[in-house]
């Protein structure tokens, strides 16, 4: 990966900050519980701030 700042994105392209519909800070464990999917069924994207 190239140098720079990166962000995580939901499949709809929105930037990840909190668990959707809550004020809970995002963690993969909390997200997994909130959406009720197994880890292998979760899709997230990573991109540079430059590409955002």
N, C-alpha and C. Protein backbone atom coordinates (compact mmCIF):
# COMPACT_ATOMS: atom_id res chain seq x y z
N UNK A 1 0.84 -1.18 0.00
CA UNK A 1 0.00 0.00 0.00
C UNK A 1 0.89 1.23 0.00
N UNK A 2 0.40 2.24 -0.66
CA UNK A 2 1.18 3.47 -0.71
C UNK A 2 1.02 4.28 0.57
N UNK A 3 1.95 5.20 0.78
CA UNK A 3 1.90 6.07 1.96
C UNK A 3 0.71 7.02 1.85
N UNK A 4 0.23 7.45 2.98
CA UNK A 4 -0.86 8.42 3.02
C UNK A 4 -1.91 8.01 4.02
N UNK A 5 -2.94 8.83 4.12
CA UNK A 5 -4.04 8.54 5.04
C UNK A 5 -5.11 7.72 4.33
N UNK A 6 -5.68 6.78 5.07
CA UNK A 6 -6.71 5.90 4.54
C UNK A 6 -7.98 6.01 5.36
N UNK A 7 -9.10 5.70 4.74
CA UNK A 7 -10.39 5.66 5.42
C UNK A 7 -11.10 4.37 5.05
N UNK A 8 -11.99 3.93 5.94
CA UNK A 8 -12.83 2.78 5.65
C UNK A 8 -14.17 3.28 5.13
N UNK A 9 -14.73 2.52 4.19
CA UNK A 9 -16.02 2.87 3.60
C UNK A 9 -16.99 1.70 3.69
N UNK A 10 -18.27 2.03 3.88
CA UNK A 10 -19.32 1.03 3.77
C UNK A 10 -19.53 0.73 2.29
N UNK A 11 -20.22 -0.36 1.95
CA UNK A 11 -20.46 -0.69 0.54
C UNK A 11 -21.15 0.42 -0.26
N UNK A 12 -21.92 1.29 0.40
CA UNK A 12 -22.57 2.39 -0.32
C UNK A 12 -21.63 3.56 -0.57
N UNK A 13 -20.38 3.44 -0.11
CA UNK A 13 -19.38 4.48 -0.33
C UNK A 13 -19.30 5.53 0.76
N UNK A 14 -20.16 5.44 1.76
CA UNK A 14 -20.09 6.41 2.86
C UNK A 14 -18.97 6.05 3.81
N UNK A 15 -18.37 7.08 4.38
CA UNK A 15 -17.21 6.90 5.26
C UNK A 15 -17.65 6.33 6.60
N UNK A 16 -16.89 5.39 7.11
CA UNK A 16 -17.20 4.75 8.39
C UNK A 16 -16.70 5.62 9.53
N UNK A 17 -17.62 5.94 10.43
CA UNK A 17 -17.28 6.65 11.66
C UNK A 17 -17.95 5.97 12.83
N UNK A 18 -19.26 5.76 12.72
CA UNK A 18 -20.05 5.12 13.78
C UNK A 18 -20.80 3.92 13.21
N UNK A 19 -21.32 3.10 14.12
CA UNK A 19 -22.22 2.03 13.72
C UNK A 19 -23.47 2.71 13.17
N UNK A 20 -23.96 2.32 11.99
CA UNK A 20 -25.13 2.98 11.39
C UNK A 20 -26.31 3.07 12.36
N UNK A 21 -26.89 4.26 12.44
CA UNK A 21 -28.06 4.49 13.27
C UNK A 21 -27.78 4.67 14.75
N UNK A 22 -26.49 4.75 15.12
CA UNK A 22 -26.13 4.91 16.53
C UNK A 22 -25.02 5.96 16.66
N UNK A 23 -24.68 6.26 17.90
CA UNK A 23 -23.52 7.11 18.18
C UNK A 23 -22.33 6.29 18.64
N UNK A 24 -22.42 4.96 18.48
CA UNK A 24 -21.37 4.04 18.90
C UNK A 24 -20.21 4.10 17.91
N UNK A 25 -19.01 4.32 18.41
CA UNK A 25 -17.82 4.35 17.56
C UNK A 25 -17.66 2.99 16.88
N UNK A 26 -17.30 3.00 15.61
CA UNK A 26 -17.19 1.79 14.81
C UNK A 26 -16.08 0.87 15.30
N UNK A 27 -16.42 -0.38 15.48
CA UNK A 27 -15.45 -1.48 15.61
C UNK A 27 -16.03 -2.62 14.79
N UNK A 28 -15.18 -3.48 14.29
CA UNK A 28 -15.69 -4.59 13.48
C UNK A 28 -16.60 -5.50 14.31
N UNK A 29 -16.27 -5.71 15.57
CA UNK A 29 -17.10 -6.55 16.43
C UNK A 29 -18.49 -5.98 16.64
N UNK A 30 -18.56 -4.68 16.94
CA UNK A 30 -19.86 -4.02 17.13
C UNK A 30 -20.66 -4.01 15.83
N UNK A 31 -19.99 -3.77 14.71
CA UNK A 31 -20.67 -3.76 13.41
C UNK A 31 -21.23 -5.14 13.10
N UNK A 32 -20.45 -6.18 13.34
CA UNK A 32 -20.88 -7.55 13.11
C UNK A 32 -22.16 -7.85 13.90
N UNK A 33 -22.18 -7.47 15.16
CA UNK A 33 -23.36 -7.69 16.00
C UNK A 33 -24.56 -6.88 15.51
N UNK A 34 -24.31 -5.64 15.10
CA UNK A 34 -25.40 -4.76 14.67
C UNK A 34 -26.09 -5.25 13.40
N UNK A 35 -25.30 -5.80 12.47
CA UNK A 35 -25.91 -6.24 11.21
C UNK A 35 -26.24 -7.72 11.20
N UNK A 36 -25.76 -8.46 12.19
CA UNK A 36 -26.11 -9.87 12.30
C UNK A 36 -25.53 -10.76 11.22
N UNK A 37 -24.35 -10.43 10.74
CA UNK A 37 -23.69 -11.24 9.71
C UNK A 37 -22.39 -11.82 10.27
N UNK A 38 -21.96 -12.92 9.67
CA UNK A 38 -20.66 -13.50 10.01
C UNK A 38 -19.57 -12.61 9.40
N UNK A 39 -18.38 -12.65 10.00
CA UNK A 39 -17.28 -11.82 9.49
C UNK A 39 -17.03 -12.02 8.00
N UNK A 40 -17.10 -13.27 7.53
CA UNK A 40 -16.80 -13.53 6.12
C UNK A 40 -17.87 -12.97 5.18
N UNK A 41 -18.99 -12.50 5.72
CA UNK A 41 -20.07 -11.92 4.91
C UNK A 41 -20.08 -10.39 4.95
N UNK A 42 -19.15 -9.81 5.69
CA UNK A 42 -19.09 -8.36 5.81
C UNK A 42 -18.17 -7.80 4.73
N UNK A 43 -18.64 -6.78 4.03
CA UNK A 43 -17.84 -6.13 3.00
C UNK A 43 -17.60 -4.68 3.40
N UNK A 44 -16.34 -4.31 3.48
CA UNK A 44 -15.92 -2.94 3.73
C UNK A 44 -14.83 -2.60 2.72
N UNK A 45 -14.63 -1.33 2.48
CA UNK A 45 -13.62 -0.90 1.52
C UNK A 45 -12.65 0.05 2.20
N UNK A 46 -11.44 0.07 1.70
CA UNK A 46 -10.42 1.00 2.19
C UNK A 46 -9.96 1.83 0.99
N UNK A 47 -9.82 3.12 1.20
CA UNK A 47 -9.31 3.97 0.13
C UNK A 47 -8.52 5.12 0.74
N UNK A 48 -7.71 5.74 -0.07
CA UNK A 48 -6.94 6.88 0.41
C UNK A 48 -7.85 8.10 0.49
N UNK A 49 -7.51 9.02 1.36
CA UNK A 49 -8.26 10.27 1.43
C UNK A 49 -8.21 10.99 0.09
N UNK A 50 -7.10 10.85 -0.59
CA UNK A 50 -6.92 11.48 -1.89
C UNK A 50 -7.94 10.97 -2.91
N UNK A 51 -8.28 9.68 -2.84
CA UNK A 51 -9.22 9.08 -3.79
C UNK A 51 -10.68 9.24 -3.38
N UNK A 52 -10.91 9.73 -2.19
CA UNK A 52 -12.27 9.84 -1.67
C UNK A 52 -13.07 10.85 -2.37
